[in-house]
C-alpha atoms as a PDB file:
ATOM      1  CA  MET A   1     -25.417  12.247  11.613  1.00  0.00           C
ATOM      2  CA  GLU A   2     -25.465   9.226   9.320  1.00  0.00           C
ATOM      3  CA  ASN A   3     -21.859   9.941   8.289  1.00  0.00           C
ATOM      4  CA  TYR A   4     -20.716  10.188  11.927  1.00  0.00           C
ATOM      5  CA  TRP A   5     -22.172   6.762  12.666  1.00  0.00           C
ATOM      6  CA  SER A   6     -20.456   5.377   9.586  1.00  0.00           C
ATOM      7  CA  TRP A   7     -17.102   6.776  10.719  1.00  0.00           C
ATOM      8  CA  ALA A   8     -17.584   5.451  14.255  1.00  0.00           C
ATOM      9  CA  GLY A   9     -18.579   1.990  13.054  1.00  0.00           C
ATOM     10  CA  PHE A  10     -15.683   1.858  10.591  1.00  0.00           C
ATOM     11  CA  ILE A  11     -13.088   2.852  13.212  1.00  0.00           C
ATOM     12  CA  VAL A  12     -14.421   0.295  15.698  1.00  0.00           C
ATOM     13  CA  LEU A  13     -14.357  -2.398  12.988  1.00  0.00           C
ATOM     14  CA  ILE A  14     -10.739  -1.648  11.998  1.00  0.00           C
ATOM     15  CA  LEU A  15      -9.513  -1.536  15.598  1.00  0.00           C
ATOM     16  CA  PHE A  16     -11.261  -4.841  16.298  1.00  0.00           C
ATOM     17  CA  LEU A  17      -9.677  -6.463  13.232  1.00  0.00           C
ATOM     18  CA  LEU A  18      -6.205  -5.185  14.102  1.00  0.00           C
ATOM     19  CA  VAL A  19      -6.434  -6.443  17.688  1.00  0.00           C
ATOM     20  CA  LEU A  20      -7.789  -9.783  16.474  1.00  0.00           C
ATOM     21  CA  ASP A  21      -5.034 -10.061  13.878  1.00  0.00           C
ATOM     22  CA  LEU A  22      -2.011  -9.405  16.086  1.00  0.00           C
ATOM     23  CA  GLY A  23      -3.450 -10.402  19.467  1.00  0.00           C
ATOM     24  CA  VAL A  24      -5.131 -13.675  18.507  1.00  0.00           C
ATOM     25  CA  PHE A  25      -4.253 -15.085  15.088  1.00  0.00           C
ATOM     26  CA  HIS A  26      -0.625 -13.940  14.968  1.00  0.00           C
ATOM     27  CA  ARG A  27       0.208 -13.619  18.664  1.00  0.00           C
ATOM     28  CA  LYS A  28       3.300 -15.796  18.273  1.00  0.00           C
ATOM     29  CA  ALA A  29       5.986 -15.148  15.685  1.00  0.00           C
ATOM     30  CA  LYS A  30       5.769 -17.775  12.964  1.00  0.00           C
ATOM     31  CA  GLU A  31       6.358 -18.147   9.263  1.00  0.00           C
ATOM     32  CA  ILE A  32       3.281 -17.524   7.130  1.00  0.00           C
ATOM     33  CA  SER A  33       2.667 -20.182   4.486  1.00  0.00           C
ATOM     34  CA  VAL A  34       1.518 -19.277   0.983  1.00  0.00           C
ATOM     35  CA  ARG A  35      -1.718 -21.184   1.538  1.00  0.00           C
ATOM     36  CA  ASN A  36      -2.433 -19.286   4.752  1.00  0.00           C
ATOM     37  CA  ALA A  37      -1.570 -16.006   3.025  1.00  0.00           C
ATOM     38  CA  LEU A  38      -3.975 -16.753   0.185  1.00  0.00           C
ATOM     39  CA  TRP A  39      -6.784 -17.466   2.658  1.00  0.00           C
ATOM     40  CA  TRP A  40      -6.114 -14.174   4.460  1.00  0.00           C
ATOM     41  CA  THR A  41      -5.938 -12.320   1.147  1.00  0.00           C
ATOM     42  CA  ALA A  42      -9.331 -13.753   0.202  1.00  0.00           C
ATOM     43  CA  PHE A  43     -10.667 -12.728   3.637  1.00  0.00           C
ATOM     44  CA  TRP A  44      -9.564  -9.076   3.298  1.00  0.00           C
ATOM     45  CA  VAL A  45     -10.853  -8.802  -0.274  1.00  0.00           C
ATOM     46  CA  THR A  46     -14.193 -10.360   0.714  1.00  0.00           C
ATOM     47  CA  LEU A  47     -14.445  -7.967   3.649  1.00  0.00           C
ATOM     48  CA  ALA A  48     -13.836  -5.045   1.281  1.00  0.00           C
ATOM     49  CA  PHE A  49     -16.652  -6.289  -0.993  1.00  0.00           C
ATOM     50  CA  ILE A  50     -19.003  -6.616   1.993  1.00  0.00           C
ATOM     51  CA  PHE A  51     -18.154  -3.081   3.079  1.00  0.00           C
ATOM     52  CA  ASN A  52     -18.755  -1.916  -0.479  1.00  0.00           C
ATOM     53  CA  GLY A  53     -22.205  -3.465  -0.200  1.00  0.00           C
ATOM     54  CA  PHE A  54     -22.771  -1.290   2.856  1.00  0.00           C
ATOM     55  CA  ILE A  55     -21.626   1.758   0.864  1.00  0.00           C
ATOM     56  CA  TYR A  56     -24.075   0.865  -1.905  1.00  0.00           C
ATOM     57  CA  TYR A  57     -26.964   0.398   0.529  1.00  0.00           C
ATOM     58  CA  VAL A  58     -26.327   3.591   2.533  1.00  0.00           C
ATOM     59  CA  TYR A  59     -24.792   6.016   0.028  1.00  0.00           C
ATOM     60  CA  GLY A  60     -25.899   4.735  -3.366  1.00  0.00           C
ATOM     61  CA  GLN A  61     -24.450   3.313  -6.544  1.00  0.00           C
ATOM     62  CA  ASP A  62     -22.101   6.198  -7.432  1.00  0.00           C
ATOM     63  CA  LYS A  63     -20.319   6.073  -4.067  1.00  0.00           C
ATOM     64  CA  ALA A  64     -20.063   2.285  -4.320  1.00  0.00           C
ATOM     65  CA  PHE A  65     -18.384   2.637  -7.726  1.00  0.00           C
ATOM     66  CA  GLU A  66     -16.028   5.247  -6.290  1.00  0.00           C
ATOM     67  CA  PHE A  67     -15.107   2.973  -3.391  1.00  0.00           C
ATOM     68  CA  PHE A  68     -14.408  -0.022  -5.605  1.00  0.00           C
ATOM     69  CA  THR A  69     -12.410   2.037  -8.112  1.00  0.00           C
ATOM     70  CA  GLY A  70     -10.349   3.589  -5.329  1.00  0.00           C
ATOM     71  CA  PHE A  71      -9.830   0.202  -3.708  1.00  0.00           C
ATOM     72  CA  LEU A  72      -8.675  -1.289  -7.010  1.00  0.00           C
ATOM     73  CA  ILE A  73      -6.197   1.540  -7.657  1.00  0.00           C
ATOM     74  CA  GLU A  74      -4.755   1.424  -4.142  1.00  0.00           C
ATOM     75  CA  LYS A  75      -4.541  -2.378  -4.146  1.00  0.00           C
ATOM     76  CA  SER A  76      -2.698  -2.276  -7.461  1.00  0.00           C
ATOM     77  CA  LEU A  77      -0.259   0.374  -6.251  1.00  0.00           C
ATOM     78  CA  SER A  78       0.313  -1.632  -3.069  1.00  0.00           C
ATOM     79  CA  VAL A  79       1.566  -4.540  -5.196  1.00  0.00           C
ATOM     80  CA  ASP A  80       4.361  -2.261  -6.410  1.00  0.00           C
ATOM     81  CA  ASN A  81       5.047  -1.436  -2.768  1.00  0.00           C
ATOM     82  CA  ILE A  82       5.240  -5.137  -1.955  1.00  0.00           C
ATOM     83  CA  PHE A  83       8.113  -5.661  -4.365  1.00  0.00           C
ATOM     84  CA  VAL A  84      10.106  -2.946  -2.588  1.00  0.00           C
ATOM     85  CA  ILE A  85       9.362  -4.624   0.758  1.00  0.00           C
ATOM     86  CA  ILE A  86      10.626  -7.912  -0.690  1.00  0.00           C
ATOM     87  CA  LEU A  87      13.928  -6.192  -1.498  1.00  0.00           C
ATOM     88  CA  ILE A  88      14.138  -4.684   1.999  1.00  0.00           C
ATOM     89  CA  PHE A  89      13.453  -8.002   3.746  1.00  0.00           C
ATOM     90  CA  GLY A  90      15.905  -9.741   1.451  1.00  0.00           C
ATOM     91  CA  TYR A  91      18.706  -7.236   2.021  1.00  0.00           C
ATOM     92  CA  PHE A  92      18.345  -7.250   5.811  1.00  0.00           C
ATOM     93  CA  GLN A  93      17.674 -11.002   5.822  1.00  0.00           C
ATOM     94  CA  VAL A  94      14.632 -10.600   8.069  1.00  0.00           C
ATOM     95  CA  PRO A  95      13.640 -14.061   9.373  1.00  0.00           C
ATOM     96  CA  ALA A  96      10.331 -15.195   7.867  1.00  0.00           C
ATOM     97  CA  ALA A  97       8.799 -15.664  11.324  1.00  0.00           C
ATOM     98  CA  TYR A  98       9.237 -11.956  12.149  1.00  0.00           C
ATOM     99  CA  GLN A  99       8.056 -10.473   8.881  1.00  0.00           C
ATOM    100  CA  HIS A 100       4.354 -10.392   9.770  1.00  0.00           C
ATOM    101  CA  LYS A 101       5.012  -8.324  12.905  1.00  0.00           C
ATOM    102  CA  VAL A 102       7.139  -5.856  10.966  1.00  0.00           C
ATOM    103  CA  LEU A 103       4.423  -5.476   8.336  1.00  0.00           C
ATOM    104  CA  PHE A 104       1.742  -5.093  11.013  1.00  0.00           C
ATOM    105  CA  TRP A 105       3.424  -2.100  12.652  1.00  0.00           C
ATOM    106  CA  GLY A 106       4.438  -0.696   9.290  1.00  0.00           C
ATOM    107  CA  ILE A 107       0.853  -0.799   8.071  1.00  0.00           C
ATOM    108  CA  LEU A 108      -0.452   0.640  11.340  1.00  0.00           C
ATOM    109  CA  GLY A 109       1.732   3.688  10.784  1.00  0.00           C
ATOM    110  CA  ALA A 110       0.586   3.836   7.170  1.00  0.00           C
ATOM    111  CA  LEU A 111      -3.075   3.972   8.246  1.00  0.00           C
ATOM    112  CA  VAL A 112      -2.361   7.045  10.383  1.00  0.00           C
ATOM    113  CA  MET A 113      -0.287   8.788   7.703  1.00  0.00           C
ATOM    114  CA  ARG A 114      -2.808   8.117   4.928  1.00  0.00           C
ATOM    115  CA  CYS A 115      -5.603   9.601   7.055  1.00  0.00           C
ATOM    116  CA  GLY A 116      -3.656  12.838   7.488  1.00  0.00           C
ATOM    117  CA  PHE A 117      -2.709  13.021   3.816  1.00  0.00           C
ATOM    118  CA  ILE A 118      -6.244  12.408   2.554  1.00  0.00           C
ATOM    119  CA  PHE A 119      -7.880  15.009   4.791  1.00  0.00           C
ATOM    120  CA  ALA A 120      -5.105  17.508   4.045  1.00  0.00           C
ATOM    121  CA  GLY A 121      -5.392  16.895   0.299  1.00  0.00           C
ATOM    122  CA  ILE A 122      -9.177  17.312   0.266  1.00  0.00           C
ATOM    123  CA  GLU A 123      -8.975  20.480   2.341  1.00  0.00           C
ATOM    124  CA  LEU A 124      -6.270  21.938   0.095  1.00  0.00           C
ATOM    125  CA  ILE A 125      -8.355  21.243  -3.019  1.00  0.00           C
ATOM    126  CA  HIS A 126     -11.377  22.892  -1.398  1.00  0.00           C
ATOM    127  CA  GLN A 127      -9.377  25.948  -0.354  1.00  0.00           C
ATOM    128  CA  PHE A 128      -7.155  26.198  -3.425  1.00  0.00           C
ATOM    129  CA  HIS A 129      -8.973  24.658  -6.371  1.00  0.00           C
ATOM    130  CA  PHE A 130      -6.063  25.189  -8.767  1.00  0.00           C
ATOM    131  CA  LEU A 131      -4.164  22.463  -6.901  1.00  0.00           C
ATOM    132  CA  ILE A 132      -6.355  19.908  -8.630  1.00  0.00           C
ATOM    133  CA  TYR A 133      -4.485  20.693 -11.844  1.00  0.00           C
ATOM    134  CA  LEU A 134      -1.123  20.334 -10.100  1.00  0.00           C
ATOM    135  CA  PHE A 135      -2.131  16.983  -8.606  1.00  0.00           C
ATOM    136  CA  GLY A 136      -3.309  15.818 -12.006  1.00  0.00           C
ATOM    137  CA  ALA A 137      -0.096  16.955 -13.696  1.00  0.00           C
ATOM    138  CA  PHE A 138       1.938  15.224 -10.979  1.00  0.00           C
ATOM    139  CA  LEU A 139       0.168  11.918 -11.655  1.00  0.00           C
ATOM    140  CA  ILE A 140       0.759  12.256 -15.388  1.00  0.00           C
ATOM    141  CA  VAL A 141       4.464  12.947 -14.871  1.00  0.00           C
ATOM    142  CA  THR A 142       4.699  10.064 -12.383  1.00  0.00           C
ATOM    143  CA  GLY A 143       3.090   7.682 -14.856  1.00  0.00           C
ATOM    144  CA  ILE A 144       5.443   8.736 -17.652  1.00  0.00           C
ATOM    145  CA  ARG A 145       8.455   8.342 -15.349  1.00  0.00           C
ATOM    146  CA  MET A 146       7.310   4.831 -14.419  1.00  0.00           C
ATOM    147  CA  ILE A 147       7.305   3.912 -18.098  1.00  0.00           C
ATOM    148  CA  MET A 148      10.670   5.521 -18.864  1.00  0.00           C
ATOM    149  CA  HIS A 149      12.460   4.702 -15.628  1.00  0.00           C
ATOM    150  CA  ARG A 150      14.440   1.494 -15.280  1.00  0.00           C
ATOM    151  CA  ASP A 151      14.471  -0.547 -12.088  1.00  0.00           C
ATOM    152  CA  GLU A 152      17.128   0.412  -9.567  1.00  0.00           C
ATOM    153  CA  HIS A 153      19.007  -1.807  -7.164  1.00  0.00           C
ATOM    154  CA  PHE A 154      18.114  -1.399  -3.517  1.00  0.00           C
ATOM    155  CA  GLU A 155      20.964   0.429  -1.778  1.00  0.00           C
ATOM    156  CA  PRO A 156      19.976   1.057   1.863  1.00  0.00           C
ATOM    157  CA  GLU A 157      23.428   2.265   2.841  1.00  0.00           C
ATOM    158  CA  ARG A 158      22.741   5.353   0.706  1.00  0.00           C
ATOM    159  CA  ASN A 159      19.223   5.841   2.075  1.00  0.00           C
ATOM    160  CA  PRO A 160      18.991   8.978   4.283  1.00  0.00           C
ATOM    161  CA  VAL A 161      16.475   7.274   6.612  1.00  0.00           C
ATOM    162  CA  VAL A 162      18.863   4.385   7.270  1.00  0.00           C
ATOM    163  CA  ARG A 163      21.752   6.761   7.898  1.00  0.00           C
ATOM    164  CA  PHE A 164      19.613   8.945  10.178  1.00  0.00           C
ATOM    165  CA  THR A 165      18.444   5.932  12.212  1.00  0.00           C
ATOM    166  CA  LYS A 166      21.967   4.587  12.584  1.00  0.00           C
ATOM    167  CA  LYS A 167      23.156   8.024  13.688  1.00  0.00           C
ATOM    168  CA  TRP A 168      20.547   8.582  16.419  1.00  0.00           C
ATOM    169  CA  PHE A 169      19.941   5.030  17.673  1.00  0.00           C
ATOM    170  CA  ARG A 170      22.316   2.473  19.117  1.00  0.00           C
ATOM    171  CA  LEU A 171      21.820  -0.627  16.977  1.00  0.00           C
ATOM    172  CA  THR A 172      22.567  -4.247  17.767  1.00  0.00           C
ATOM    173  CA  PRO A 173      24.313  -6.151  14.959  1.00  0.00           C
ATOM    174  CA  GLU A 174      21.910  -9.093  15.207  1.00  0.00           C
ATOM    175  CA  TYR A 175      18.210  -9.789  15.667  1.00  0.00           C
ATOM    176  CA  ASN A 176      16.865 -10.542  19.127  1.00  0.00           C
ATOM    177  CA  LYS A 177      13.796 -12.668  18.401  1.00  0.00           C
ATOM    178  CA  ASP A 178      11.004 -10.326  17.268  1.00  0.00           C
ATOM    179  CA  LYS A 179      11.974  -7.453  19.563  1.00  0.00           C
ATOM    180  CA  PHE A 180      12.452  -3.906  18.330  1.00  0.00           C
ATOM    181  CA  PHE A 181      14.435  -2.785  21.381  1.00  0.00           C
ATOM    182  CA  VAL A 182      16.644  -4.605  23.915  1.00  0.00           C
ATOM    183  CA  MET A 183      18.395  -3.584  27.135  1.00  0.00           C
ATOM    184  CA  ARG A 184      22.152  -4.117  27.315  1.00  0.00           C
ATOM    185  CA  ASN A 185      24.456  -2.889  30.069  1.00  0.00           C
ATOM    186  CA  GLY A 186      21.756  -0.540  31.302  1.00  0.00           C
ATOM    187  CA  LEU A 187      21.279   1.034  27.847  1.00  0.00           C
ATOM    188  CA  TRP A 188      18.515   0.614  25.309  1.00  0.00           C
ATOM    189  CA  TYR A 189      19.503  -0.627  21.854  1.00  0.00           C
ATOM    190  CA  ALA A 190      17.394  -0.797  18.701  1.00  0.00           C
ATOM    191  CA  THR A 191      17.537  -4.045  16.760  1.00  0.00           C
ATOM    192  CA  PRO A 192      17.762  -4.332  12.967  1.00  0.00           C
ATOM    193  CA  LEU A 193      14.039  -5.155  13.061  1.00  0.00           C
ATOM    194  CA  PHE A 194      13.332  -1.589  14.216  1.00  0.00           C
ATOM    195  CA  LEU A 195      15.435  -0.233  11.359  1.00  0.00           C
ATOM    196  CA  VAL A 196      13.409  -2.299   8.879  1.00  0.00           C
ATOM    197  CA  VAL A 197      10.114  -0.929  10.299  1.00  0.00           C
ATOM    198  CA  VAL A 198      11.374   2.647   9.943  1.00  0.00           C
ATOM    199  CA  LEU A 199      12.447   1.962   6.371  1.00  0.00           C
ATOM    200  CA  ILE A 200       9.080   0.412   5.473  1.00  0.00           C
ATOM    201  CA  GLU A 201       7.261   3.409   6.981  1.00  0.00           C
ATOM    202  CA  PHE A 202       9.387   5.730   4.863  1.00  0.00           C
ATOM    203  CA  THR A 203       8.716   3.591   1.784  1.00  0.00           C
ATOM    204  CA  ASP A 204       4.958   3.877   2.338  1.00  0.00           C
ATOM    205  CA  LEU A 205       5.355   7.626   2.759  1.00  0.00           C
ATOM    206  CA  ILE A 206       6.941   7.783  -0.696  1.00  0.00           C
ATOM    207  CA  PHE A 207       4.201   5.619  -2.222  1.00  0.00           C
ATOM    208  CA  ALA A 208       1.521   7.743  -0.555  1.00  0.00           C
ATOM    209  CA  VAL A 209       2.747  10.727  -2.561  1.00  0.00           C
ATOM    210  CA  ASP A 210       1.484   8.905  -5.672  1.00  0.00           C
ATOM    211  CA  SER A 211      -1.507   7.081  -4.258  1.00  0.00           C
ATOM    212  CA  ILE A 212      -3.234   9.952  -2.433  1.00  0.00           C
ATOM    213  CA  PRO A 213      -3.615  12.183  -5.524  1.00  0.00           C
ATOM    214  CA  ALA A 214      -4.772   9.064  -7.396  1.00  0.00           C
ATOM    215  CA  ILE A 215      -7.535   8.330  -4.907  1.00  0.00           C
ATOM    216  CA  LEU A 216      -8.576  12.001  -4.816  1.00  0.00           C
ATOM    217  CA  ALA A 217      -8.981  11.856  -8.595  1.00  0.00           C
ATOM    218  CA  VAL A 218     -11.613   9.170  -8.015  1.00  0.00           C
ATOM    219  CA  SER A 219     -13.430  10.593  -4.994  1.00  0.00           C
ATOM    220  CA  LYS A 220     -13.168  13.723  -2.883  1.00  0.00           C
ATOM    221  CA  ASP A 221     -15.428  12.254  -0.230  1.00  0.00           C
ATOM    222  CA  PRO A 222     -13.085  11.700   2.762  1.00  0.00           C
ATOM    223  CA  PHE A 223     -15.035   8.652   3.956  1.00  0.00           C
ATOM    224  CA  ILE A 224     -14.873   6.927   0.568  1.00  0.00           C
ATOM    225  CA  ALA A 225     -11.250   7.914  -0.052  1.00  0.00           C
ATOM    226  CA  TYR A 226      -9.997   6.774   3.346  1.00  0.00           C
ATOM    227  CA  THR A 227     -12.005   3.569   3.697  1.00  0.00           C
ATOM    228  CA  SER A 228     -11.001   2.335   0.237  1.00  0.00           C
ATOM    229  CA  ASN A 229      -7.394   3.154   1.118  1.00  0.00           C
ATOM    230  CA  VAL A 230      -7.587   1.316   4.435  1.00  0.00           C
ATOM    231  CA  PHE A 231      -9.104  -1.862   3.015  1.00  0.00           C
ATOM    232  CA  ALA A 232      -6.413  -1.939   0.321  1.00  0.00           C
ATOM    233  CA  ILE A 233      -3.651  -1.494   2.916  1.00  0.00           C
ATOM    234  CA  LEU A 234      -5.060  -4.025   5.398  1.00  0.00           C
ATOM    235  CA  GLY A 235      -4.595  -6.828   2.901  1.00  0.00           C
ATOM    236  CA  LEU A 236      -1.015  -5.791   2.160  1.00  0.00           C
ATOM    237  CA  ARG A 237       0.546  -8.221   4.659  1.00  0.00           C
ATOM    238  CA  SER A 238      -1.191 -11.349   3.407  1.00  0.00           C
ATOM    239  CA  LEU A 239      -0.673 -10.248  -0.191  1.00  0.00           C
ATOM    240  CA  TYR A 240       3.054  -9.908   0.499  1.00  0.00           C
ATOM    241  CA  PHE A 241       3.349 -13.508   1.693  1.00  0.00           C
ATOM    242  CA  ALA A 242       1.245 -14.672  -1.250  1.00  0.00           C
ATOM    243  CA  LEU A 243       3.384 -12.848  -3.834  1.00  0.00           C
ATOM    244  CA  ALA A 244       6.879 -13.061  -2.302  1.00  0.00           C
ATOM    245  CA  GLY A 245       9.094 -15.078  -4.599  1.00  0.00           C
ATOM    246  CA  ILE A 246       6.911 -14.785  -7.710  1.00  0.00           C
ATOM    247  CA  GLU A 247       7.387 -11.060  -8.333  1.00  0.00           C
ATOM    248  CA  ARG A 248       8.907 -11.817 -11.753  1.00  0.00           C
ATOM    249  CA  TYR A 249       5.418 -12.837 -12.926  1.00  0.00           C
ATOM    250  CA  PHE A 250       4.285  -9.218 -12.430  1.00  0.00           C
ATOM    251  CA  ALA A 251       7.133  -7.668 -14.392  1.00  0.00           C
ATOM    252  CA  TYR A 252       4.839  -5.615 -16.616  1.00  0.00           C
ATOM    253  CA  LEU A 253       2.447  -4.542 -13.887  1.00  0.00           C
ATOM    254  CA  LYS A 254       4.218  -1.218 -13.433  1.00  0.00           C
ATOM    255  CA  TYR A 255       3.452  -0.314 -17.059  1.00  0.00           C
ATOM    256  CA  GLY A 256      -0.232  -0.949 -16.454  1.00  0.00           C
ATOM    257  CA  LEU A 257      -0.046   1.167 -13.302  1.00  0.00           C
ATOM    258  CA  ALA A 258       1.754   3.890 -15.239  1.00  0.00           C
ATOM    259  CA  VAL A 259      -1.041   4.058 -17.825  1.00  0.00           C
ATOM    260  CA  ILE A 260      -3.622   4.144 -15.008  1.00  0.00           C
ATOM    261  CA  LEU A 261      -1.817   7.018 -13.263  1.00  0.00           C
ATOM    262  CA  VAL A 262      -1.692   8.992 -16.513  1.00  0.00           C
ATOM    263  CA  PHE A 263      -5.396   8.296 -17.045  1.00  0.00           C
ATOM    264  CA  VAL A 264      -6.481   9.417 -13.557  1.00  0.00           C
ATOM    265  CA  GLY A 265      -4.142  12.416 -13.843  1.00  0.00           C
ATOM    266  CA  LEU A 266      -5.865  13.482 -17.054  1.00  0.00           C
ATOM    267  CA  LYS A 267      -9.250  12.811 -15.462  1.00  0.00           C
ATOM    268  CA  MET A 268      -8.311  15.046 -12.541  1.00  0.00           C
ATOM    269  CA  SER A 269      -6.825  17.826 -14.672  1.00  0.00           C
ATOM    270  CA  LEU A 270      -9.793  17.929 -17.048  1.00  0.00           C
ATOM    271  CA  SER A 271     -12.491  17.457 -14.402  1.00  0.00           C
ATOM    272  CA  ASP A 272     -13.706  21.067 -14.810  1.00  0.00           C
ATOM    273  CA  PHE A 273     -14.153  20.591 -18.545  1.00  0.00           C
ATOM    274  CA  ILE A 274     -14.864  16.895 -19.158  1.00  0.00           C
ATOM    275  CA  THR A 275     -16.675  14.519 -16.836  1.00  0.00           C
ATOM    276  CA  ILE A 276     -15.632  10.896 -17.220  1.00  0.00           C
ATOM    277  CA  PRO A 277     -18.244   8.594 -15.629  1.00  0.00           C
ATOM    278  CA  ILE A 278     -16.863   6.484 -12.797  1.00  0.00           C
ATOM    279  CA  GLU A 279     -18.100   3.336 -14.564  1.00  0.00           C
ATOM    280  CA  ILE A 280     -15.847   4.082 -17.538  1.00  0.00           C
ATOM    281  CA  SER A 281     -12.911   4.798 -15.220  1.00  0.00           C
ATOM    282  CA  LEU A 282     -13.432   1.497 -13.435  1.00  0.00           C
ATOM    283  CA  ALA A 283     -13.684  -0.454 -16.709  1.00  0.00           C
ATOM    284  CA  PHE A 284     -10.492   1.159 -18.037  1.00  0.00           C
ATOM    285  CA  ILE A 285      -8.557   0.386 -14.841  1.00  0.00           C
ATOM    286  CA  VAL A 286      -9.687  -3.253 -14.822  1.00  0.00           C
ATOM    287  CA  LEU A 287      -8.718  -3.581 -18.501  1.00  0.00           C
ATOM    288  CA  MET A 288      -5.222  -2.121 -17.985  1.00  0.00           C
ATOM    289  CA  LEU A 289      -4.508  -4.283 -14.937  1.00  0.00           C
ATOM    290  CA  SER A 290      -5.740  -7.402 -16.729  1.00  0.00           C
ATOM    291  CA  LEU A 291      -3.551  -6.713 -19.764  1.00  0.00           C
ATOM    292  CA  ALA A 292      -0.500  -5.985 -17.583  1.00  0.00           C
ATOM    293  CA  VAL A 293      -0.868  -9.178 -15.536  1.00  0.00           C
ATOM    294  CA  LEU A 294      -1.603 -11.263 -18.645  1.00  0.00           C
ATOM    295  CA  ALA A 295       1.483  -9.870 -20.411  1.00  0.00           C
ATOM    296  CA  SER A 296       3.613 -10.640 -17.339  1.00  0.00           C
ATOM    297  CA  MET A 297       2.409 -14.227 -17.184  1.00  0.00           C
ATOM    298  CA  VAL A 298       2.740 -14.915 -20.924  1.00  0.00           C
ATOM    299  CA  LEU A 299       6.001 -13.126 -21.706  1.00  0.00           C
ATOM    300  CA  GLN A 300       7.989 -13.980 -18.580  1.00  0.00           C
ATOM    301  CA  PRO A 301       9.996 -17.244 -18.590  1.00  0.00           C
ATOM    302  CA  ILE A 302       9.050 -19.668 -15.824  1.00  0.00           C
ATOM    303  CA  LYS A 303      11.899 -20.031 -13.350  1.00  0.00           C
ATOM    304  CA  THR A 304      12.176 -21.509  -9.934  1.00  0.00           C
ATOM    305  CA  PRO A 305      11.976 -18.619  -7.468  1.00  0.00           C
ATOM    306  CA  GLY A 306      15.132 -18.195  -5.442  1.00  0.00           C
ATOM    307  CA  LYS A 307      15.662 -16.623  -2.079  1.00  0.00           C
ATOM    308  CA  PRO A 308      16.982 -13.058  -2.070  1.00  0.00           C
ATOM    309  CA  SER A 309      20.553 -12.735  -0.870  1.00  0.00           C
ATOM    310  CA  MET A 310      22.509 -10.091   0.974  1.00  0.00           C
ATOM    311  CA  GLN A 311      23.845  -7.506  -1.425  1.00  0.00           C
END
């Protein structure tokens, strides 16, 4: 019964925050300043820490460590997602005033998808235990590919989601304020803003393929896995506005993430033979992220950030 009340309280809290966010604080389309974004980022992180205090009080120290470790992994992976979003917004030249709304609806869809993936993943592992080895191997391969793989240019014209959307929806050539659909000559047309939302949803779907096995390597408790995921995603919008334009200072972050994915993949694959305490996992993840960010700041030349241009 305790878990049901926790789920109910969590869902009510998230719905309240989402309504407050879009319906009150960001009711009108406006450009988000870096200072405002930093304040919101601090708010979401603080809220996650407060919720982790609740986890500690109700479920104990081990679950609290699992929540924080999962939150840290998902938050780190979301930074990689942010850089892709920066490329998407830059290519489609999305006006700064409309970007928050696009991210809001994109993240709302992500919350629903992540819920389905987490519950499906946990159920699959329970029913078919051997999948835990496949998930672990997948994370190891993904981490190695991140190290070996070079960055690619964003080419939306070759993206199947973009081509599918253009094929099945009538699209206007220009933006119409912050609207996703407009009526013209008695027919409904999608605006480029709708296309950007669809593309961001698809991008999160791709990232979820990596992040869900990673969070399941930390905790197979659906409440811990999902709540840590949600709190990491909720701060994605403010983190985007805080990081947009300075992505070059996180150039080596992907290598830190790659090492972390390999580590959690090994942890998952060897879980039946070797038990790595969650405290050690958390310490290792913090160390790798710190080294990656420090290397990015020290080794990257300081340049004046420029605005992305149409490719």
